[in-house]
Amino acid sequence: MTLLMALFAMLSCQFSFGQKYITTGADRALAEKVMKSLLSESGAGKDFPVPELMVRAAMELMGTPYVAGTLEEDPIHEQLRIYLTKTDCILFVETCLNLALTVRDGSSSFEDYASHVARTRYRCKPPYTYGDRIHYTTEWIRRQEGVLKDITLELGGEVNDHPINFMSQNYKSYKQLVDADNIPRAALDLKKITEIEEALNKEPMTFIPKSKVASAAAGIKTGDIICYVSNVKGLDIAHVAIAYVKDGRVGFIHASQKDGKVEIDRQTIEEYVSSRSNLSGIKVVRPL
């Protein structure tokens, strides 16, 4: 176990209550439909690697409406919320990854899928608090060692001097943290988040700068997770997508806020990052 993982373990809560989640019949039915379809195509999940299963899941979810704040419906009671009929960018990638992992295990069970979602979204077992949720994509990646591999440096990336502290520095912008100066529950959540930020900053951040994305693109494969790196002070990742390489075009599938749905973007990865002033580059993470 790495030093960072050991720190995460110490910061994790110790509850071991049964799994609970909020979903709808439509979301459950869609998840099971997608997993059964993938199982049928992939020989019980054995014939396709996880990146290909992710892309096939993404194709099944094409056109899903983009809805911001999907997990923030109840700022008081933190619960595992599982939706496939609406999404934002990170939830879309998380959904495709967990559908793929469930199918890889040979299952189309919604309960098995929910267990994967809980593992990738929280650093402990329920009951959850807001501070137990994995908020930063950097932590989401690092906690999944063995499931995901950060290949940013392999593709010509470099160290990025960009410490993470956006949430703790802007806590009054979050409904769950705004009263941290007066309410113990919010203060504890803010403390947990601040400690996680400090733990994340003990290891260097890496990225492929805008100027190098064109040369790095040759090493990107379909199903890689593309993290668009933010240049906003304290914020690590601004957007997340799934690489989609076809006929030499290194594009991506994502939940687009601009177009309001899951789609194959009209731009390539290089064009997207180059056209946005709030981005400094990309990270590339490969599902294993």
C-alpha atoms as a PDB file:
ATOM      1  CA  MET A   1       0.000   0.000   0.000  1.00  0.00           C
ATOM      2  CA  THR A   2       1.380   3.406  -0.974  1.00  0.00           C
ATOM      3  CA  LEU A   3       1.748   6.221   1.541  1.00  0.00           C
ATOM      4  CA  LEU A   4      -1.157   8.042  -0.094  1.00  0.00           C
ATOM      5  CA  MET A   5      -3.425   5.006   0.118  1.00  0.00           C
ATOM      6  CA  ALA A   6      -2.466   4.599   3.773  1.00  0.00           C
ATOM      7  CA  LEU A   7      -3.454   8.214   4.406  1.00  0.00           C
ATOM      8  CA  PHE A   8      -6.762   7.645   2.648  1.00  0.00           C
ATOM      9  CA  ALA A   9      -7.372   4.593   4.820  1.00  0.00           C
ATOM     10  CA  MET A  10      -6.797   6.609   7.998  1.00  0.00           C
ATOM     11  CA  LEU A  11      -9.179   9.308   6.761  1.00  0.00           C
ATOM     12  CA  SER A  12     -11.908   6.832   5.847  1.00  0.00           C
ATOM     13  CA  CYS A  13     -14.913   6.347   8.096  1.00  0.00           C
ATOM     14  CA  GLN A  14     -15.382   3.054   9.895  1.00  0.00           C
ATOM     15  CA  PHE A  15     -19.078   2.264   9.448  1.00  0.00           C
ATOM     16  CA  SER A  16     -20.147  -1.148   8.153  1.00  0.00           C
ATOM     17  CA  PHE A  17     -23.905  -0.844   7.784  1.00  0.00           C
ATOM     18  CA  GLY A  18     -25.814  -2.419   4.897  1.00  0.00           C
ATOM     19  CA  GLN A  19     -25.813  -0.877   1.442  1.00  0.00           C
ATOM     20  CA  LYS A  20     -28.614   1.598   0.694  1.00  0.00           C
ATOM     21  CA  TYR A  21     -29.210   3.694  -2.380  1.00  0.00           C
ATOM     22  CA  ILE A  22     -31.701   5.949  -4.129  1.00  0.00           C
ATOM     23  CA  THR A  23     -32.711   5.140  -7.696  1.00  0.00           C
ATOM     24  CA  THR A  24     -35.814   4.821  -9.869  1.00  0.00           C
ATOM     25  CA  GLY A  25     -37.414   1.913 -11.675  1.00  0.00           C
ATOM     26  CA  ALA A  26     -36.409   3.474 -15.001  1.00  0.00           C
ATOM     27  CA  ASP A  27     -32.763   3.768 -13.946  1.00  0.00           C
ATOM     28  CA  ARG A  28     -32.656   0.204 -12.641  1.00  0.00           C
ATOM     29  CA  ALA A  29     -34.274  -1.106 -15.827  1.00  0.00           C
ATOM     30  CA  LEU A  30     -31.852   0.810 -18.046  1.00  0.00           C
ATOM     31  CA  ALA A  31     -28.808  -0.416 -16.122  1.00  0.00           C
ATOM     32  CA  GLU A  32     -29.957  -4.021 -16.369  1.00  0.00           C
ATOM     33  CA  LYS A  33     -30.817  -3.634 -20.060  1.00  0.00           C
ATOM     34  CA  VAL A  34     -27.352  -2.264 -20.870  1.00  0.00           C
ATOM     35  CA  MET A  35     -25.554  -4.944 -18.849  1.00  0.00           C
ATOM     36  CA  LYS A  36     -27.580  -7.774 -20.390  1.00  0.00           C
ATOM     37  CA  SER A  37     -26.862  -6.387 -23.843  1.00  0.00           C
ATOM     38  CA  LEU A  38     -23.139  -6.225 -23.115  1.00  0.00           C
ATOM     39  CA  LEU A  39     -23.133  -9.735 -21.664  1.00  0.00           C
ATOM     40  CA  SER A  40     -24.883 -11.032 -24.755  1.00  0.00           C
ATOM     41  CA  GLU A  41     -22.347  -9.373 -27.049  1.00  0.00           C
ATOM     42  CA  SER A  42     -19.245 -10.203 -25.046  1.00  0.00           C
ATOM     43  CA  GLY A  43     -19.537 -13.873 -24.149  1.00  0.00           C
ATOM     44  CA  ALA A  44     -20.423 -13.415 -20.477  1.00  0.00           C
ATOM     45  CA  GLY A  45     -18.088 -10.433 -20.196  1.00  0.00           C
ATOM     46  CA  LYS A  46     -14.952 -12.399 -21.075  1.00  0.00           C
ATOM     47  CA  ASP A  47     -14.327 -11.520 -24.726  1.00  0.00           C
ATOM     48  CA  PHE A  48     -14.033  -7.738 -24.460  1.00  0.00           C
ATOM     49  CA  PRO A  49     -11.593  -5.737 -22.296  1.00  0.00           C
ATOM     50  CA  VAL A  50     -12.975  -3.138 -19.886  1.00  0.00           C
ATOM     51  CA  PRO A  51     -12.227  -0.137 -22.179  1.00  0.00           C
ATOM     52  CA  GLU A  52     -14.260  -1.694 -25.004  1.00  0.00           C
ATOM     53  CA  LEU A  53     -17.097  -2.567 -22.630  1.00  0.00           C
ATOM     54  CA  MET A  54     -17.076   1.062 -21.456  1.00  0.00           C
ATOM     55  CA  VAL A  55     -17.421   2.375 -24.994  1.00  0.00           C
ATOM     56  CA  ARG A  56     -20.203  -0.095 -25.777  1.00  0.00           C
ATOM     57  CA  ALA A  57     -22.004   1.055 -22.626  1.00  0.00           C
ATOM     58  CA  ALA A  58     -21.487   4.675 -23.701  1.00  0.00           C
ATOM     59  CA  MET A  59     -23.097   3.929 -27.064  1.00  0.00           C
ATOM     60  CA  GLU A  60     -26.115   2.446 -25.267  1.00  0.00           C
ATOM     61  CA  LEU A  61     -26.442   5.683 -23.274  1.00  0.00           C
ATOM     62  CA  MET A  62     -26.088   8.048 -26.222  1.00  0.00           C
ATOM     63  CA  GLY A  63     -28.505  10.985 -25.956  1.00  0.00           C
ATOM     64  CA  THR A  64     -28.930  10.759 -22.160  1.00  0.00           C
ATOM     65  CA  PRO A  65     -29.814  14.268 -20.871  1.00  0.00           C
ATOM     66  CA  TYR A  66     -27.095  16.278 -19.144  1.00  0.00           C
ATOM     67  CA  VAL A  67     -28.335  17.408 -15.728  1.00  0.00           C
ATOM     68  CA  ALA A  68     -26.012  19.389 -13.463  1.00  0.00           C
ATOM     69  CA  GLY A  69     -26.020  18.721  -9.720  1.00  0.00           C
ATOM     70  CA  THR A  70     -27.449  15.213 -10.027  1.00  0.00           C
ATOM     71  CA  LEU A  71     -25.979  14.191  -6.670  1.00  0.00           C
ATOM     72  CA  GLU A  72     -26.988  17.390  -4.875  1.00  0.00           C
ATOM     73  CA  GLU A  73     -30.754  16.826  -4.683  1.00  0.00           C
ATOM     74  CA  ASP A  74     -30.712  16.691  -0.887  1.00  0.00           C
ATOM     75  CA  PRO A  75     -27.894  18.724   0.684  1.00  0.00           C
ATOM     76  CA  ILE A  76     -28.798  17.483   4.168  1.00  0.00           C
ATOM     77  CA  HIS A  77     -28.953  13.703   3.729  1.00  0.00           C
ATOM     78  CA  GLU A  78     -26.049  12.184   1.828  1.00  0.00           C
ATOM     79  CA  GLN A  79     -27.040   8.917   0.149  1.00  0.00           C
ATOM     80  CA  LEU A  80     -25.827   6.804  -2.737  1.00  0.00           C
ATOM     81  CA  ARG A  81     -27.789   8.033  -5.746  1.00  0.00           C
ATOM     82  CA  ILE A  82     -27.785   5.909  -8.884  1.00  0.00           C
ATOM     83  CA  TYR A  83     -29.112   7.417 -12.088  1.00  0.00           C
ATOM     84  CA  LEU A  84     -28.611   6.472 -15.725  1.00  0.00           C
ATOM     85  CA  THR A  85     -31.491   8.478 -17.214  1.00  0.00           C
ATOM     86  CA  LYS A  86     -29.696  11.746 -16.379  1.00  0.00           C
ATOM     87  CA  THR A  87     -26.027  12.500 -15.888  1.00  0.00           C
ATOM     88  CA  ASP A  88     -23.159  14.949 -15.759  1.00  0.00           C
ATOM     89  CA  CYS A  89     -19.665  14.428 -17.165  1.00  0.00           C
ATOM     90  CA  ILE A  90     -17.990  12.527 -14.320  1.00  0.00           C
ATOM     91  CA  LEU A  91     -21.102  10.496 -13.528  1.00  0.00           C
ATOM     92  CA  PHE A  92     -21.286   9.426 -17.171  1.00  0.00           C
ATOM     93  CA  VAL A  93     -17.721   8.093 -17.114  1.00  0.00           C
ATOM     94  CA  GLU A  94     -18.264   6.539 -13.675  1.00  0.00           C
ATOM     95  CA  THR A  95     -21.451   4.863 -14.936  1.00  0.00           C
ATOM     96  CA  CYS A  96     -19.762   3.399 -18.018  1.00  0.00           C
ATOM     97  CA  LEU A  97     -16.818   2.145 -15.972  1.00  0.00           C
ATOM     98  CA  ASN A  98     -19.004   0.462 -13.368  1.00  0.00           C
ATOM     99  CA  LEU A  99     -21.312  -1.098 -15.957  1.00  0.00           C
ATOM    100  CA  ALA A 100     -18.189  -2.497 -17.634  1.00  0.00           C
ATOM    101  CA  LEU A 101     -16.737  -3.808 -14.355  1.00  0.00           C
ATOM    102  CA  THR A 102     -20.005  -5.513 -13.446  1.00  0.00           C
ATOM    103  CA  VAL A 103     -20.233  -7.170 -16.861  1.00  0.00           C
ATOM    104  CA  ARG A 104     -16.578  -8.188 -16.708  1.00  0.00           C
ATOM    105  CA  ASP A 105     -17.499 -10.077 -13.531  1.00  0.00           C
ATOM    106  CA  GLY A 106     -20.165 -11.911 -15.554  1.00  0.00           C
ATOM    107  CA  SER A 107     -23.085 -10.167 -13.843  1.00  0.00           C
ATOM    108  CA  SER A 108     -26.051  -8.052 -14.906  1.00  0.00           C
ATOM    109  CA  SER A 109     -27.308  -7.622 -11.330  1.00  0.00           C
ATOM    110  CA  PHE A 110     -28.260  -4.089 -10.335  1.00  0.00           C
ATOM    111  CA  GLU A 111     -27.115  -4.867  -6.779  1.00  0.00           C
ATOM    112  CA  ASP A 112     -23.650  -5.793  -8.065  1.00  0.00           C
ATOM    113  CA  TYR A 113     -23.574  -2.632 -10.149  1.00  0.00           C
ATOM    114  CA  ALA A 114     -24.626  -0.543  -7.115  1.00  0.00           C
ATOM    115  CA  SER A 115     -21.755  -2.049  -5.117  1.00  0.00           C
ATOM    116  CA  HIS A 116     -19.278  -0.944  -7.790  1.00  0.00           C
ATOM    117  CA  VAL A 117     -20.756   2.574  -7.801  1.00  0.00           C
ATOM    118  CA  ALA A 118     -20.510   2.810  -4.009  1.00  0.00           C
ATOM    119  CA  ARG A 119     -16.861   1.722  -4.104  1.00  0.00           C
ATOM    120  CA  THR A 120     -15.881   4.294  -6.712  1.00  0.00           C
ATOM    121  CA  ARG A 121     -17.892   7.173  -5.248  1.00  0.00           C
ATOM    122  CA  TYR A 122     -17.249   6.895  -1.496  1.00  0.00           C
ATOM    123  CA  ARG A 123     -14.205   6.092   0.579  1.00  0.00           C
ATOM    124  CA  CYS A 124     -16.170   4.253   3.269  1.00  0.00           C
ATOM    125  CA  LYS A 125     -19.338   2.261   3.857  1.00  0.00           C
ATOM    126  CA  PRO A 126     -22.684   3.884   4.746  1.00  0.00           C
ATOM    127  CA  PRO A 127     -24.078   5.845   6.436  1.00  0.00           C
ATOM    128  CA  TYR A 128     -22.350   8.531   4.396  1.00  0.00           C
ATOM    129  CA  THR A 129     -21.680  12.195   4.932  1.00  0.00           C
ATOM    130  CA  TYR A 130     -20.839  14.745   2.257  1.00  0.00           C
ATOM    131  CA  GLY A 131     -17.220  14.623   3.359  1.00  0.00           C
ATOM    132  CA  ASP A 132     -17.089  10.869   2.678  1.00  0.00           C
ATOM    133  CA  ARG A 133     -17.831  11.356  -1.015  1.00  0.00           C
ATOM    134  CA  ILE A 134     -14.912  11.390  -3.460  1.00  0.00           C
ATOM    135  CA  HIS A 135     -15.146  14.899  -4.905  1.00  0.00           C
ATOM    136  CA  TYR A 136     -11.872  15.331  -6.750  1.00  0.00           C
ATOM    137  CA  THR A 137     -11.228  13.348  -9.938  1.00  0.00           C
ATOM    138  CA  THR A 138      -7.589  13.050  -8.883  1.00  0.00           C
ATOM    139  CA  GLU A 139      -8.620  11.082  -5.802  1.00  0.00           C
ATOM    140  CA  TRP A 140     -11.113   9.055  -7.872  1.00  0.00           C
ATOM    141  CA  ILE A 141      -8.233   7.963 -10.114  1.00  0.00           C
ATOM    142  CA  ARG A 142      -5.676   7.303  -7.386  1.00  0.00           C
ATOM    143  CA  ARG A 143      -8.020   5.246  -5.252  1.00  0.00           C
ATOM    144  CA  GLN A 144      -8.630   2.823  -8.114  1.00  0.00           C
ATOM    145  CA  GLU A 145      -5.099   1.545  -8.416  1.00  0.00           C
ATOM    146  CA  GLY A 146      -5.314  -1.827 -10.168  1.00  0.00           C
ATOM    147  CA  VAL A 147      -8.524  -0.869 -11.975  1.00  0.00           C
ATOM    148  CA  LEU A 148      -7.210   2.299 -13.610  1.00  0.00           C
ATOM    149  CA  LYS A 149      -3.683   3.251 -14.657  1.00  0.00           C
ATOM    150  CA  ASP A 150      -2.612   6.863 -15.096  1.00  0.00           C
ATOM    151  CA  ILE A 151      -0.521   6.834 -18.302  1.00  0.00           C
ATOM    152  CA  THR A 152      -0.061  10.608 -18.515  1.00  0.00           C
ATOM    153  CA  LEU A 153       3.715  10.511 -18.026  1.00  0.00           C
ATOM    154  CA  GLU A 154       4.070   7.610 -20.467  1.00  0.00           C
ATOM    155  CA  LEU A 155       2.503   9.783 -23.165  1.00  0.00           C
ATOM    156  CA  GLY A 156       4.976  12.619 -22.640  1.00  0.00           C
ATOM    157  CA  GLY A 157       3.300  14.357 -19.724  1.00  0.00           C
ATOM    158  CA  GLU A 158       5.044  16.309 -17.007  1.00  0.00           C
ATOM    159  CA  VAL A 159       4.627  17.445 -13.430  1.00  0.00           C
ATOM    160  CA  ASN A 160       2.002  20.141 -12.980  1.00  0.00           C
ATOM    161  CA  ASP A 161       2.556  22.570 -10.114  1.00  0.00           C
ATOM    162  CA  HIS A 162      -1.126  23.040  -9.368  1.00  0.00           C
ATOM    163  CA  PRO A 163      -2.094  22.210  -5.738  1.00  0.00           C
ATOM    164  CA  ILE A 164      -5.657  21.117  -4.994  1.00  0.00           C
ATOM    165  CA  ASN A 165      -7.656  23.170  -2.475  1.00  0.00           C
ATOM    166  CA  PHE A 166     -10.631  24.564  -4.397  1.00  0.00           C
ATOM    167  CA  MET A 167     -13.363  23.190  -2.129  1.00  0.00           C
ATOM    168  CA  SER A 168     -11.792  24.226   1.156  1.00  0.00           C
ATOM    169  CA  GLN A 169     -10.960  27.693  -0.181  1.00  0.00           C
ATOM    170  CA  ASN A 170     -14.461  28.184  -1.602  1.00  0.00           C
ATOM    171  CA  TYR A 171     -16.513  26.226   0.918  1.00  0.00           C
ATOM    172  CA  LYS A 172     -19.212  28.885   1.171  1.00  0.00           C
ATOM    173  CA  SER A 173     -20.143  28.097  -2.445  1.00  0.00           C
ATOM    174  CA  TYR A 174     -21.285  24.588  -1.440  1.00  0.00           C
ATOM    175  CA  LYS A 175     -24.678  24.063   0.186  1.00  0.00           C
ATOM    176  CA  GLN A 176     -23.310  21.265   2.376  1.00  0.00           C
ATOM    177  CA  LEU A 177     -20.357  23.349   3.623  1.00  0.00           C
ATOM    178  CA  VAL A 178     -21.641  26.923   3.704  1.00  0.00           C
ATOM    179  CA  ASP A 179     -22.490  26.743   7.432  1.00  0.00           C
ATOM    180  CA  ALA A 180     -19.208  25.128   8.484  1.00  0.00           C
ATOM    181  CA  ASP A 181     -18.482  28.050  10.811  1.00  0.00           C
ATOM    182  CA  ASN A 182     -21.644  27.336  12.822  1.00  0.00           C
ATOM    183  CA  ILE A 183     -22.842  23.748  12.273  1.00  0.00           C
ATOM    184  CA  PRO A 184     -20.674  20.864  13.545  1.00  0.00           C
ATOM    185  CA  ARG A 185     -21.763  18.463  10.802  1.00  0.00           C
ATOM    186  CA  ALA A 186     -20.688  20.879   8.063  1.00  0.00           C
ATOM    187  CA  ALA A 187     -17.473  21.678   9.946  1.00  0.00           C
ATOM    188  CA  LEU A 188     -16.598  17.976  10.096  1.00  0.00           C
ATOM    189  CA  ASP A 189     -17.249  17.559   6.369  1.00  0.00           C
ATOM    190  CA  LEU A 190     -15.042  20.549   5.603  1.00  0.00           C
ATOM    191  CA  LYS A 191     -12.304  19.121   7.833  1.00  0.00           C
ATOM    192  CA  LYS A 192     -12.447  15.772   5.990  1.00  0.00           C
ATOM    193  CA  ILE A 193     -12.262  17.473   2.603  1.00  0.00           C
ATOM    194  CA  THR A 194      -9.354  19.662   3.686  1.00  0.00           C
ATOM    195  CA  GLU A 195      -7.463  16.597   4.935  1.00  0.00           C
ATOM    196  CA  ILE A 196      -8.052  14.817   1.624  1.00  0.00           C
ATOM    197  CA  GLU A 197      -6.738  17.847  -0.270  1.00  0.00           C
ATOM    198  CA  GLU A 198      -3.597  17.782   1.865  1.00  0.00           C
ATOM    199  CA  ALA A 199      -3.159  14.046   1.235  1.00  0.00           C
ATOM    200  CA  LEU A 200      -3.594  14.496  -2.529  1.00  0.00           C
ATOM    201  CA  ASN A 201      -0.988  17.256  -2.584  1.00  0.00           C
ATOM    202  CA  LYS A 202       1.644  14.947  -1.081  1.00  0.00           C
ATOM    203  CA  GLU A 203       2.047  13.371  -4.534  1.00  0.00           C
ATOM    204  CA  PRO A 204       2.825  15.392  -7.679  1.00  0.00           C
ATOM    205  CA  MET A 205       0.092  16.314 -10.128  1.00  0.00           C
ATOM    206  CA  THR A 206       0.781  15.433 -13.758  1.00  0.00           C
ATOM    207  CA  PHE A 207      -0.622  16.579 -17.075  1.00  0.00           C
ATOM    208  CA  ILE A 208       0.048  16.768 -20.795  1.00  0.00           C
ATOM    209  CA  PRO A 209       0.211  20.501 -21.598  1.00  0.00           C
ATOM    210  CA  LYS A 210      -1.860  21.865 -24.480  1.00  0.00           C
ATOM    211  CA  SER A 211       1.263  22.207 -26.606  1.00  0.00           C
ATOM    212  CA  LYS A 212       1.963  18.458 -26.339  1.00  0.00           C
ATOM    213  CA  VAL A 213      -1.535  17.031 -26.755  1.00  0.00           C
ATOM    214  CA  ALA A 214      -1.155  16.659 -30.546  1.00  0.00           C
ATOM    215  CA  SER A 215       1.961  14.494 -30.206  1.00  0.00           C
ATOM    216  CA  ALA A 216       0.473  12.506 -27.305  1.00  0.00           C
ATOM    217  CA  ALA A 217      -2.728  11.761 -29.220  1.00  0.00           C
ATOM    218  CA  ALA A 218      -1.091   8.887 -31.103  1.00  0.00           C
ATOM    219  CA  GLY A 219      -0.829   6.965 -27.837  1.00  0.00           C
ATOM    220  CA  ILE A 220      -4.477   7.435 -26.841  1.00  0.00           C
ATOM    221  CA  LYS A 221      -6.734   4.405 -27.334  1.00  0.00           C
ATOM    222  CA  THR A 222     -10.498   4.012 -27.504  1.00  0.00           C
ATOM    223  CA  GLY A 223     -11.836   3.622 -23.965  1.00  0.00           C
ATOM    224  CA  ASP A 224      -9.123   5.677 -22.277  1.00  0.00           C
ATOM    225  CA  ILE A 225     -10.489   8.182 -19.762  1.00  0.00           C
ATOM    226  CA  ILE A 226      -9.618  11.747 -20.757  1.00  0.00           C
ATOM    227  CA  CYS A 227      -9.442  14.261 -17.924  1.00  0.00           C
ATOM    228  CA  TYR A 228      -9.345  17.877 -19.055  1.00  0.00           C
ATOM    229  CA  VAL A 229      -7.077  19.647 -16.578  1.00  0.00           C
ATOM    230  CA  SER A 230      -8.291  22.943 -15.126  1.00  0.00           C
ATOM    231  CA  ASN A 231      -6.153  26.037 -14.793  1.00  0.00           C
ATOM    232  CA  VAL A 232      -8.519  27.457 -12.168  1.00  0.00           C
ATOM    233  CA  LYS A 233      -6.623  27.894  -8.905  1.00  0.00           C
ATOM    234  CA  GLY A 234      -7.088  24.890  -6.620  1.00  0.00           C
ATOM    235  CA  LEU A 235      -9.207  22.850  -9.065  1.00  0.00           C
ATOM    236  CA  ASP A 236      -7.791  19.687 -10.614  1.00  0.00           C
ATOM    237  CA  ILE A 237     -10.122  18.556 -13.403  1.00  0.00           C
ATOM    238  CA  ALA A 238     -12.757  20.589 -15.273  1.00  0.00           C
ATOM    239  CA  HIS A 239     -14.253  17.882 -17.498  1.00  0.00           C
ATOM    240  CA  VAL A 240     -14.066  14.103 -18.049  1.00  0.00           C
ATOM    241  CA  ALA A 241     -14.724  12.031 -21.176  1.00  0.00           C
ATOM    242  CA  ILE A 242     -14.078   8.671 -22.841  1.00  0.00           C
ATOM    243  CA  ALA A 243     -11.666   8.555 -25.791  1.00  0.00           C
ATOM    244  CA  TYR A 244     -13.126   7.367 -29.089  1.00  0.00           C
ATOM    245  CA  VAL A 245     -10.607   6.762 -31.866  1.00  0.00           C
ATOM    246  CA  LYS A 246     -12.010   6.088 -35.328  1.00  0.00           C
ATOM    247  CA  ASP A 247     -10.419   6.400 -38.774  1.00  0.00           C
ATOM    248  CA  GLY A 248      -7.416   8.165 -37.255  1.00  0.00           C
ATOM    249  CA  ARG A 249      -9.575  10.769 -35.510  1.00  0.00           C
ATOM    250  CA  VAL A 250      -8.833  10.951 -31.767  1.00  0.00           C
ATOM    251  CA  GLY A 251     -12.192  12.104 -30.496  1.00  0.00           C
ATOM    252  CA  PHE A 252     -14.239  11.531 -27.375  1.00  0.00           C
ATOM    253  CA  ILE A 253     -17.652  10.654 -25.982  1.00  0.00           C
ATOM    254  CA  HIS A 254     -18.953  12.753 -23.116  1.00  0.00           C
ATOM    255  CA  ALA A 255     -21.934  14.246 -21.351  1.00  0.00           C
ATOM    256  CA  SER A 256     -21.891  17.689 -22.928  1.00  0.00           C
ATOM    257  CA  GLN A 257     -23.201  20.574 -20.854  1.00  0.00           C
ATOM    258  CA  LYS A 258     -23.255  22.780 -23.964  1.00  0.00           C
ATOM    259  CA  ASP A 259     -25.403  20.375 -26.009  1.00  0.00           C
ATOM    260  CA  GLY A 260     -27.263  18.988 -23.005  1.00  0.00           C
ATOM    261  CA  LYS A 261     -26.727  15.294 -23.741  1.00  0.00           C
ATOM    262  CA  VAL A 262     -24.326  12.373 -24.076  1.00  0.00           C
ATOM    263  CA  GLU A 263     -22.718  12.506 -27.523  1.00  0.00           C
ATOM    264  CA  ILE A 264     -19.651  11.928 -29.656  1.00  0.00           C
ATOM    265  CA  ASP A 265     -18.194  15.413 -29.716  1.00  0.00           C
ATOM    266  CA  ARG A 266     -17.625  17.181 -33.016  1.00  0.00           C
ATOM    267  CA  GLN A 267     -14.127  18.206 -31.908  1.00  0.00           C
ATOM    268  CA  THR A 268     -11.064  16.054 -31.399  1.00  0.00           C
ATOM    269  CA  ILE A 269      -9.422  15.928 -27.980  1.00  0.00           C
ATOM    270  CA  GLU A 270      -6.719  18.312 -29.195  1.00  0.00           C
ATOM    271  CA  GLU A 271      -9.259  20.753 -30.657  1.00  0.00           C
ATOM    272  CA  TYR A 272     -11.355  20.723 -27.495  1.00  0.00           C
ATOM    273  CA  VAL A 273      -8.512  21.445 -25.089  1.00  0.00           C
ATOM    274  CA  SER A 274      -6.948  24.046 -27.388  1.00  0.00           C
ATOM    275  CA  SER A 275     -10.184  25.989 -27.754  1.00  0.00           C
ATOM    276  CA  ARG A 276     -10.837  26.482 -24.048  1.00  0.00           C
ATOM    277  CA  SER A 277      -9.026  29.088 -21.979  1.00  0.00           C
ATOM    278  CA  ASN A 278      -9.953  27.394 -18.677  1.00  0.00           C
ATOM    279  CA  LEU A 279      -7.974  24.246 -19.569  1.00  0.00           C
ATOM    280  CA  SER A 280      -4.227  23.758 -19.328  1.00  0.00           C
ATOM    281  CA  GLY A 281      -3.984  20.241 -20.771  1.00  0.00           C
ATOM    282  CA  ILE A 282      -5.154  16.669 -20.227  1.00  0.00           C
ATOM    283  CA  LYS A 283      -4.565  13.568 -18.149  1.00  0.00           C
ATOM    284  CA  VAL A 284      -4.997  10.133 -19.728  1.00  0.00           C
ATOM    285  CA  VAL A 285      -6.116   7.199 -17.588  1.00  0.00           C
ATOM    286  CA  ARG A 286      -6.415   3.660 -18.947  1.00  0.00           C
ATOM    287  CA  PRO A 287      -8.942   1.145 -17.543  1.00  0.00           C
ATOM    288  CA  LEU A 288      -7.295  -2.249 -17.025  1.00  0.00           C
END
